[in-house]
Amino acid sequence: MAITVKIPAPLRPLTQNLSEVALESAATVGAAVEELSRRYPGLRERLLDDKGGLRRYVNLFRNDQDVRSAGGLEAKLSDGDRLSVVPAIAGGR
């Protein structure tokens, strides 16, 4: 099962400057995060909080759907899915 994970620019130093990472086997979003964490040390701390949940300022999208509304880290992944890591942006006036 091939899953493509899109990595945002702020996290690319942790992934050897790769903008996309291919995962061959990840049945759930959580499994994908764990596989990324094994390959790229330091990434887990940026994505998950100390309780193992998704940090509130990090958004993960499976294709075009926010995983928070699709089962969170337990959301199922299928062959060909794209998982996008999107850091929340705050600011303005």
PDB file of N, CA and C in Angstrom:
ATOM      1  N   MET A   1       0.846  -1.161   0.000  1.00  0.00           N
ATOM      2  CA  MET A   1       0.000   0.000   0.000  1.00  0.00           C
ATOM      3  C   MET A   1       0.900   1.235   0.000  1.00  0.00           C
ATOM      4  N   ALA A   2       0.827   2.054  -1.011  1.00  0.00           N
ATOM      5  CA  ALA A   2       1.659   3.254  -1.103  1.00  0.00           C
ATOM      6  C   ALA A   2       0.861   4.487  -0.681  1.00  0.00           C
ATOM      7  N   ILE A   3       1.410   5.204   0.285  1.00  0.00           N
ATOM      8  CA  ILE A   3       0.828   6.448   0.796  1.00  0.00           C
ATOM      9  C   ILE A   3       1.864   7.543   0.575  1.00  0.00           C
ATOM     10  N   THR A   4       1.434   8.697   0.098  1.00  0.00           N
ATOM     11  CA  THR A   4       2.332   9.834  -0.064  1.00  0.00           C
ATOM     12  C   THR A   4       2.049  10.837   1.044  1.00  0.00           C
ATOM     13  N   VAL A   5       3.101  11.256   1.740  1.00  0.00           N
ATOM     14  CA  VAL A   5       2.960  12.230   2.817  1.00  0.00           C
ATOM     15  C   VAL A   5       3.626  13.523   2.365  1.00  0.00           C
ATOM     16  N   LYS A   6       2.856  14.605   2.329  1.00  0.00           N
ATOM     17  CA  LYS A   6       3.388  15.923   1.969  1.00  0.00           C
ATOM     18  C   LYS A   6       3.902  16.597   3.237  1.00  0.00           C
ATOM     19  N   ILE A   7       5.146  17.047   3.174  1.00  0.00           N
ATOM     20  CA  ILE A   7       5.823  17.652   4.318  1.00  0.00           C
ATOM     21  C   ILE A   7       5.919  19.167   4.098  1.00  0.00           C
ATOM     22  N   PRO A   8       5.458  19.979   5.061  1.00  0.00           N
ATOM     23  CA  PRO A   8       5.547  21.433   4.901  1.00  0.00           C
ATOM     24  C   PRO A   8       6.989  21.923   5.091  1.00  0.00           C
ATOM     25  N   ALA A   9       7.283  23.065   4.541  1.00  0.00           N
ATOM     26  CA  ALA A   9       8.636  23.623   4.582  1.00  0.00           C
ATOM     27  C   ALA A   9       9.246  23.694   5.984  1.00  0.00           C
ATOM     28  N   PRO A  10       8.495  24.088   7.022  1.00  0.00           N
ATOM     29  CA  PRO A  10       9.125  24.170   8.348  1.00  0.00           C
ATOM     30  C   PRO A  10       9.621  22.827   8.895  1.00  0.00           C
ATOM     31  N   LEU A  11       9.068  21.714   8.414  1.00  0.00           N
ATOM     32  CA  LEU A  11       9.477  20.398   8.901  1.00  0.00           C
ATOM     33  C   LEU A  11      10.484  19.694   7.991  1.00  0.00           C
ATOM     34  N   ARG A  12      10.748  20.251   6.848  1.00  0.00           N
ATOM     35  CA  ARG A  12      11.664  19.596   5.892  1.00  0.00           C
ATOM     36  C   ARG A  12      13.085  19.411   6.395  1.00  0.00           C
ATOM     37  N   PRO A  13      13.615  20.284   7.249  1.00  0.00           N
ATOM     38  CA  PRO A  13      14.951  19.992   7.782  1.00  0.00           C
ATOM     39  C   PRO A  13      15.018  18.641   8.505  1.00  0.00           C
ATOM     40  N   LEU A  14      13.887  18.185   9.036  1.00  0.00           N
ATOM     41  CA  LEU A  14      13.845  16.895   9.722  1.00  0.00           C
ATOM     42  C   LEU A  14      13.731  15.718   8.754  1.00  0.00           C
ATOM     43  N   THR A  15      13.305  15.979   7.512  1.00  0.00           N
ATOM     44  CA  THR A  15      13.114  14.911   6.524  1.00  0.00           C
ATOM     45  C   THR A  15      14.140  15.005   5.392  1.00  0.00           C
ATOM     46  N   GLN A  16      15.309  15.492   5.711  1.00  0.00           N
ATOM     47  CA  GLN A  16      16.386  15.635   4.724  1.00  0.00           C
ATOM     48  C   GLN A  16      15.935  16.490   3.540  1.00  0.00           C
ATOM     49  N   ASN A  17      15.131  17.512   3.849  1.00  0.00           N
ATOM     50  CA  ASN A  17      14.607  18.477   2.881  1.00  0.00           C
ATOM     51  C   ASN A  17      13.673  17.881   1.837  1.00  0.00           C
ATOM     52  N   LEU A  18      13.076  16.742   2.142  1.00  0.00           N
ATOM     53  CA  LEU A  18      12.102  16.142   1.234  1.00  0.00           C
ATOM     54  C   LEU A  18      10.751  16.823   1.408  1.00  0.00           C
ATOM     55  N   SER A  19      10.099  17.144   0.303  1.00  0.00           N
ATOM     56  CA  SER A  19       8.765  17.739   0.364  1.00  0.00           C
ATOM     57  C   SER A  19       7.687  16.664   0.367  1.00  0.00           C
ATOM     58  N   GLU A  20       8.040  15.456  -0.065  1.00  0.00           N
ATOM     59  CA  GLU A  20       7.132  14.321  -0.044  1.00  0.00           C
ATOM     60  C   GLU A  20       7.885  13.074   0.381  1.00  0.00           C
ATOM     61  N   VAL A  21       7.191  12.240   1.131  1.00  0.00           N
ATOM     62  CA  VAL A  21       7.760  10.976   1.591  1.00  0.00           C
ATOM     63  C   VAL A  21       6.772   9.878   1.224  1.00  0.00           C
ATOM     64  N   ALA A  22       7.260   8.795   0.640  1.00  0.00           N
ATOM     65  CA  ALA A  22       6.408   7.659   0.294  1.00  0.00           C
ATOM     66  C   ALA A  22       6.497   6.618   1.402  1.00  0.00           C
ATOM     67  N   LEU A  23       5.337   6.139   1.825  1.00  0.00           N
ATOM     68  CA  LEU A  23       5.265   5.073   2.808  1.00  0.00           C
ATOM     69  C   LEU A  23       4.637   3.860   2.132  1.00  0.00           C
ATOM     70  N   GLU A  24       5.257   2.722   2.283  1.00  0.00           N
ATOM     71  CA  GLU A  24       4.744   1.515   1.638  1.00  0.00           C
ATOM     72  C   GLU A  24       3.648   0.826   2.427  1.00  0.00           C
ATOM     73  N   SER A  25       3.671   0.966   3.737  1.00  0.00           N
ATOM     74  CA  SER A  25       2.644   0.285   4.526  1.00  0.00           C
ATOM     75  C   SER A  25       2.259   1.120   5.736  1.00  0.00           C
ATOM     76  N   ALA A  26       1.067   1.641   5.690  1.00  0.00           N
ATOM     77  CA  ALA A  26       0.497   2.375   6.817  1.00  0.00           C
ATOM     78  C   ALA A  26      -1.017   2.248   6.701  1.00  0.00           C
ATOM     79  N   ALA A  27      -1.605   1.454   7.571  1.00  0.00           N
ATOM     80  CA  ALA A  27      -3.046   1.208   7.506  1.00  0.00           C
ATOM     81  C   ALA A  27      -3.861   2.351   8.098  1.00  0.00           C
ATOM     82  N   THR A  28      -3.240   3.126   9.008  1.00  0.00           N
ATOM     83  CA  THR A  28      -3.941   4.241   9.648  1.00  0.00           C
ATOM     84  C   THR A  28      -3.040   5.475   9.643  1.00  0.00           C
ATOM     85  N   VAL A  29      -3.639   6.605   9.935  1.00  0.00           N
ATOM     86  CA  VAL A  29      -2.880   7.849  10.053  1.00  0.00           C
ATOM     87  C   VAL A  29      -1.840   7.713  11.160  1.00  0.00           C
ATOM     88  N   GLY A  30      -2.226   7.130  12.291  1.00  0.00           N
ATOM     89  CA  GLY A  30      -1.288   6.933  13.390  1.00  0.00           C
ATOM     90  C   GLY A  30      -0.101   6.071  12.990  1.00  0.00           C
ATOM     91  N   ALA A  31      -0.348   5.017  12.214  1.00  0.00           N
ATOM     92  CA  ALA A  31       0.739   4.159  11.742  1.00  0.00           C
ATOM     93  C   ALA A  31       1.664   4.935  10.808  1.00  0.00           C
ATOM     94  N   ALA A  32       1.096   5.817  10.007  1.00  0.00           N
ATOM     95  CA  ALA A  32       1.916   6.646   9.121  1.00  0.00           C
ATOM     96  C   ALA A  32       2.801   7.585   9.929  1.00  0.00           C
ATOM     97  N   VAL A  33       2.238   8.198  10.972  1.00  0.00           N
ATOM     98  CA  VAL A  33       3.017   9.093  11.837  1.00  0.00           C
ATOM     99  C   VAL A  33       4.144   8.318  12.512  1.00  0.00           C
ATOM    100  N   GLU A  34       3.852   7.121  12.980  1.00  0.00           N
ATOM    101  CA  GLU A  34       4.884   6.301  13.636  1.00  0.00           C
ATOM    102  C   GLU A  34       5.988   5.921  12.658  1.00  0.00           C
ATOM    103  N   GLU A  35       5.637   5.567  11.434  1.00  0.00           N
ATOM    104  CA  GLU A  35       6.644   5.221  10.428  1.00  0.00           C
ATOM    105  C   GLU A  35       7.509   6.438  10.094  1.00  0.00           C
ATOM    106  N   LEU A  36       6.879   7.588   9.935  1.00  0.00           N
ATOM    107  CA  LEU A  36       7.640   8.823   9.692  1.00  0.00           C
ATOM    108  C   LEU A  36       8.587   9.103  10.852  1.00  0.00           C
ATOM    109  N   SER A  37       8.108   8.873  12.068  1.00  0.00           N
ATOM    110  CA  SER A  37       8.917   9.119  13.265  1.00  0.00           C
ATOM    111  C   SER A  37      10.121   8.196  13.344  1.00  0.00           C
ATOM    112  N   ARG A  38       9.952   6.964  12.910  1.00  0.00           N
ATOM    113  CA  ARG A  38      11.087   6.029  12.895  1.00  0.00           C
ATOM    114  C   ARG A  38      12.134   6.458  11.872  1.00  0.00           C
ATOM    115  N   ARG A  39      11.674   6.893  10.724  1.00  0.00           N
ATOM    116  CA  ARG A  39      12.603   7.308   9.666  1.00  0.00           C
ATOM    117  C   ARG A  39      13.280   8.641   9.960  1.00  0.00           C
ATOM    118  N   TYR A  40      12.515   9.540  10.559  1.00  0.00           N
ATOM    119  CA  TYR A  40      12.993  10.911  10.743  1.00  0.00           C
ATOM    120  C   TYR A  40      12.852  11.327  12.204  1.00  0.00           C
ATOM    121  N   PRO A  41      13.875  11.065  13.007  1.00  0.00           N
ATOM    122  CA  PRO A  41      13.837  11.429  14.430  1.00  0.00           C
ATOM    123  C   PRO A  41      13.540  12.922  14.615  1.00  0.00           C
ATOM    124  N   GLY A  42      12.736  13.207  15.624  1.00  0.00           N
ATOM    125  CA  GLY A  42      12.356  14.590  15.916  1.00  0.00           C
ATOM    126  C   GLY A  42      11.012  14.977  15.334  1.00  0.00           C
ATOM    127  N   LEU A  43      10.551  14.227  14.355  1.00  0.00           N
ATOM    128  CA  LEU A  43       9.285  14.570  13.712  1.00  0.00           C
ATOM    129  C   LEU A  43       8.088  14.288  14.622  1.00  0.00           C
ATOM    130  N   ARG A  44       8.161  13.202  15.363  1.00  0.00           N
ATOM    131  CA  ARG A  44       7.046  12.838  16.251  1.00  0.00           C
ATOM    132  C   ARG A  44       6.735  13.960  17.237  1.00  0.00           C
ATOM    133  N   GLU A  45       7.769  14.540  17.823  1.00  0.00           N
ATOM    134  CA  GLU A  45       7.573  15.604  18.800  1.00  0.00           C
ATOM    135  C   GLU A  45       6.919  16.838  18.190  1.00  0.00           C
ATOM    136  N   ARG A  46       7.101  17.031  16.904  1.00  0.00           N
ATOM    137  CA  ARG A  46       6.492  18.179  16.226  1.00  0.00           C
ATOM    138  C   ARG A  46       5.025  17.921  15.879  1.00  0.00           C
ATOM    139  N   LEU A  47       4.653  16.639  15.721  1.00  0.00           N
ATOM    140  CA  LEU A  47       3.299  16.297  15.304  1.00  0.00           C
ATOM    141  C   LEU A  47       2.387  15.888  16.452  1.00  0.00           C
ATOM    142  N   LEU A  48       2.938  15.180  17.439  1.00  0.00           N
ATOM    143  CA  LEU A  48       2.124  14.640  18.526  1.00  0.00           C
ATOM    144  C   LEU A  48       2.486  15.287  19.857  1.00  0.00           C
ATOM    145  N   ASP A  49       1.489  15.403  20.730  1.00  0.00           N
ATOM    146  CA  ASP A  49       1.739  15.951  22.055  1.00  0.00           C
ATOM    147  C   ASP A  49       2.260  14.856  22.982  1.00  0.00           C
ATOM    148  N   ASP A  50       2.488  15.192  24.239  1.00  0.00           N
ATOM    149  CA  ASP A  50       3.061  14.229  25.183  1.00  0.00           C
ATOM    150  C   ASP A  50       2.113  13.084  25.533  1.00  0.00           C
ATOM    151  N   LYS A  51       0.846  13.194  25.169  1.00  0.00           N
ATOM    152  CA  LYS A  51      -0.126  12.121  25.395  1.00  0.00           C
ATOM    153  C   LYS A  51      -0.322  11.259  24.145  1.00  0.00           C
ATOM    154  N   GLY A  52       0.400  11.587  23.079  1.00  0.00           N
ATOM    155  CA  GLY A  52       0.291  10.811  21.846  1.00  0.00           C
ATOM    156  C   GLY A  52      -0.806  11.261  20.911  1.00  0.00           C
ATOM    157  N   GLY A  53      -1.441  12.386  21.225  1.00  0.00           N
ATOM    158  CA  GLY A  53      -2.476  12.943  20.356  1.00  0.00           C
ATOM    159  C   GLY A  53      -1.896  13.975  19.400  1.00  0.00           C
ATOM    160  N   LEU A  54      -2.640  14.256  18.377  1.00  0.00           N
ATOM    161  CA  LEU A  54      -2.218  15.253  17.398  1.00  0.00           C
ATOM    162  C   LEU A  54      -2.163  16.626  18.062  1.00  0.00           C
ATOM    163  N   ARG A  55      -1.045  17.325  17.891  1.00  0.00           N
ATOM    164  CA  ARG A  55      -0.929  18.682  18.458  1.00  0.00           C
ATOM    165  C   ARG A  55      -2.023  19.567  17.865  1.00  0.00           C
ATOM    166  N   ARG A  56      -2.511  20.495  18.668  1.00  0.00           N
ATOM    167  CA  ARG A  56      -3.638  21.321  18.217  1.00  0.00           C
ATOM    168  C   ARG A  56      -3.270  22.286  17.104  1.00  0.00           C
ATOM    169  N   TYR A  57      -2.016  22.609  16.960  1.00  0.00           N
ATOM    170  CA  TYR A  57      -1.616  23.527  15.889  1.00  0.00           C
ATOM    171  C   TYR A  57      -1.098  22.795  14.649  1.00  0.00           C
ATOM    172  N   VAL A  58      -1.284  21.492  14.610  1.00  0.00           N
ATOM    173  CA  VAL A  58      -0.906  20.696  13.435  1.00  0.00           C
ATOM    174  C   VAL A  58      -2.177  20.089  12.861  1.00  0.00           C
ATOM    175  N   ASN A  59      -2.369  20.265  11.575  1.00  0.00           N
ATOM    176  CA  ASN A  59      -3.510  19.666  10.891  1.00  0.00           C
ATOM    177  C   ASN A  59      -3.001  18.592   9.944  1.00  0.00           C
ATOM    178  N   LEU A  60      -3.699  17.475   9.914  1.00  0.00           N
ATOM    179  CA  LEU A  60      -3.393  16.401   8.977  1.00  0.00           C
ATOM    180  C   LEU A  60      -4.618  16.188   8.103  1.00  0.00           C
ATOM    181  N   PHE A  61      -4.385  16.136   6.805  1.00  0.00           N
ATOM    182  CA  PHE A  61      -5.463  15.901   5.858  1.00  0.00           C
ATOM    183  C   PHE A  61      -5.202  14.612   5.100  1.00  0.00           C
ATOM    184  N   ARG A  62      -6.208  13.743   5.077  1.00  0.00           N
ATOM    185  CA  ARG A  62      -6.168  12.549   4.236  1.00  0.00           C
ATOM    186  C   ARG A  62      -6.899  12.953   2.968  1.00  0.00           C
ATOM    187  N   ASN A  63      -6.148  13.042   1.895  1.00  0.00           N
ATOM    188  CA  ASN A  63      -6.655  13.603   0.651  1.00  0.00           C
ATOM    189  C   ASN A  63      -7.142  15.017   0.964  1.00  0.00           C
ATOM    190  N   ASP A  64      -8.428  15.306   0.936  1.00  0.00           N
ATOM    191  CA  ASP A  64      -8.908  16.661   1.236  1.00  0.00           C
ATOM    192  C   ASP A  64      -9.676  16.740   2.540  1.00  0.00           C
ATOM    193  N   GLN A  65      -9.652  15.681   3.346  1.00  0.00           N
ATOM    194  CA  GLN A  65     -10.444  15.651   4.568  1.00  0.00           C
ATOM    195  C   GLN A  65      -9.557  15.735   5.810  1.00  0.00           C
ATOM    196  N   ASP A  66      -9.913  16.650   6.707  1.00  0.00           N
ATOM    197  CA  ASP A  66      -9.210  16.785   7.981  1.00  0.00           C
ATOM    198  C   ASP A  66      -9.392  15.482   8.758  1.00  0.00           C
ATOM    199  N   VAL A  67      -8.297  14.871   9.193  1.00  0.00           N
ATOM    200  CA  VAL A  67      -8.406  13.582   9.878  1.00  0.00           C
ATOM    201  C   VAL A  67      -9.110  13.697  11.223  1.00  0.00           C
ATOM    202  N   ARG A  68      -9.161  14.884  11.800  1.00  0.00           N
ATOM    203  CA  ARG A  68      -9.869  15.053  13.081  1.00  0.00           C
ATOM    204  C   ARG A  68     -11.352  14.708  12.934  1.00  0.00           C
ATOM    205  N   SER A  69     -11.903  14.940  11.752  1.00  0.00           N
ATOM    206  CA  SER A  69     -13.318  14.633  11.519  1.00  0.00           C
ATOM    207  C   SER A  69     -13.497  13.258  10.877  1.00  0.00           C
ATOM    208  N   ALA A  70     -12.407  12.520  10.735  1.00  0.00           N
ATOM    209  CA  ALA A  70     -12.476  11.210  10.073  1.00  0.00           C
ATOM    210  C   ALA A  70     -11.899  10.091  10.940  1.00  0.00           C
ATOM    211  N   GLY A  71     -11.842  10.310  12.242  1.00  0.00           N
ATOM    212  CA  GLY A  71     -11.333   9.269  13.124  1.00  0.00           C
ATOM    213  C   GLY A  71      -9.987   9.565  13.748  1.00  0.00           C
ATOM    214  N   GLY A  72      -9.441  10.743  13.489  1.00  0.00           N
ATOM    215  CA  GLY A  72      -8.154  11.124  14.074  1.00  0.00           C
ATOM    216  C   GLY A  72      -7.027  10.207  13.641  1.00  0.00           C
ATOM    217  N   LEU A  73      -6.177   9.844  14.570  1.00  0.00           N
ATOM    218  CA  LEU A  73      -5.031   8.989  14.244  1.00  0.00           C
ATOM    219  C   LEU A  73      -5.462   7.583  13.862  1.00  0.00           C
ATOM    220  N   GLU A  74      -6.705   7.211  14.176  1.00  0.00           N
ATOM    221  CA  GLU A  74      -7.236   5.893  13.802  1.00  0.00           C
ATOM    222  C   GLU A  74      -7.861   5.889  12.411  1.00  0.00           C
ATOM    223  N   ALA A  75      -7.896   7.045  11.740  1.00  0.00           N
ATOM    224  CA  ALA A  75      -8.465   7.110  10.393  1.00  0.00           C
ATOM    225  C   ALA A  75      -7.724   6.148   9.472  1.00  0.00           C
ATOM    226  N   LYS A  76      -8.484   5.404   8.694  1.00  0.00           N
ATOM    227  CA  LYS A  76      -7.921   4.403   7.789  1.00  0.00           C
ATOM    228  C   LYS A  76      -7.299   5.073   6.571  1.00  0.00           C
ATOM    229  N   LEU A  77      -6.221   4.467   6.087  1.00  0.00           N
ATOM    230  CA  LEU A  77      -5.578   4.905   4.860  1.00  0.00           C
ATOM    231  C   LEU A  77      -5.714   3.806   3.814  1.00  0.00           C
ATOM    232  N   SER A  78      -5.824   4.207   2.565  1.00  0.00           N
ATOM    233  CA  SER A  78      -5.926   3.276   1.451  1.00  0.00           C
ATOM    234  C   SER A  78      -4.810   3.536   0.456  1.00  0.00           C
ATOM    235  N   ASP A  79      -4.509   2.548  -0.339  1.00  0.00           N
ATOM    236  CA  ASP A  79      -3.486   2.676  -1.366  1.00  0.00           C
ATOM    237  C   ASP A  79      -3.760   3.912  -2.220  1.00  0.00           C
ATOM    238  N   GLY A  80      -2.746   4.738  -2.405  1.00  0.00           N
ATOM    239  CA  GLY A  80      -2.879   5.942  -3.213  1.00  0.00           C
ATOM    240  C   GLY A  80      -3.289   7.187  -2.448  1.00  0.00           C
ATOM    241  N   ASP A  81      -3.626   7.046  -1.158  1.00  0.00           N
ATOM    242  CA  ASP A  81      -3.999   8.231  -0.374  1.00  0.00           C
ATOM    243  C   ASP A  81      -2.820   9.185  -0.240  1.00  0.00           C
ATOM    244  N   ARG A  82      -3.159  10.467  -0.082  1.00  0.00           N
ATOM    245  CA  ARG A  82      -2.167  11.509   0.187  1.00  0.00           C
ATOM    246  C   ARG A  82      -2.462  12.053   1.577  1.00  0.00           C
ATOM    247  N   LEU A  83      -1.450  12.051   2.402  1.00  0.00           N
ATOM    248  CA  LEU A  83      -1.554  12.595   3.745  1.00  0.00           C
ATOM    249  C   LEU A  83      -0.752  13.890   3.762  1.00  0.00           C
ATOM    250  N   SER A  84      -1.407  14.991   4.063  1.00  0.00           N
ATOM    251  CA  SER A  84      -0.741  16.297   4.072  1.00  0.00           C
ATOM    252  C   SER A  84      -0.631  16.823   5.489  1.00  0.00           C
ATOM    253  N   VAL A  85       0.568  17.227   5.861  1.00  0.00           N
ATOM    254  CA  VAL A  85       0.815  17.860   7.160  1.00  0.00           C
ATOM    255  C   VAL A  85       0.736  19.366   6.923  1.00  0.00           C
ATOM    256  N   VAL A  86      -0.171  20.018   7.637  1.00  0.00           N
ATOM    257  CA  VAL A  86      -0.382  21.449   7.448  1.00  0.00           C
ATOM    258  C   VAL A  86      -0.322  22.136   8.808  1.00  0.00           C
ATOM    259  N   PRO A  87       0.756  22.871   9.081  1.00  0.00           N
ATOM    260  CA  PRO A  87       0.823  23.586  10.362  1.00  0.00           C
ATOM    261  C   PRO A  87      -0.179  24.732  10.366  1.00  0.00           C
ATOM    262  N   ALA A  88      -0.811  24.959  11.510  1.00  0.00           N
ATOM    263  CA  ALA A  88      -1.748  26.071  11.649  1.00  0.00           C
ATOM    264  C   ALA A  88      -0.975  27.381  11.598  1.00  0.00           C
ATOM    265  N   ILE A  89      -1.581  28.373  11.012  1.00  0.00           N
ATOM    266  CA  ILE A  89      -0.954  29.686  10.899  1.00  0.00           C
ATOM    267  C   ILE A  89      -1.817  30.685  11.651  1.00  0.00           C
ATOM    268  N   ALA A  90      -1.183  31.456  12.526  1.00  0.00           N
ATOM    269  CA  ALA A  90      -1.907  32.459  13.292  1.00  0.00           C
ATOM    270  C   ALA A  90      -1.240  33.809  13.069  1.00  0.00           C
ATOM    271  N   GLY A  91      -1.980  34.814  13.322  1.00  0.00           N
ATOM    272  CA  GLY A  91      -1.413  36.155  13.198  1.00  0.00           C
ATOM    273  C   GLY A  91      -2.445  37.111  12.647  1.00  0.00           C
ATOM    274  N   GLY A  92      -1.964  38.210  12.203  1.00  0.00           N
ATOM    275  CA  GLY A  92      -2.876  39.215  11.662  1.00  0.00           C
ATOM    276  C   GLY A  92      -3.033  40.363  12.652  1.00  0.00           C
ATOM    277  N   ARG A  93      -4.008  41.149  12.384  1.00  0.00           N
ATOM    278  CA  ARG A  93      -4.243  42.324  13.210  1.00  0.00           C
ATOM    279  C   ARG A  93      -5.481  42.191  14.026  1.00  0.00           C
TER     280      ARG A  93
END
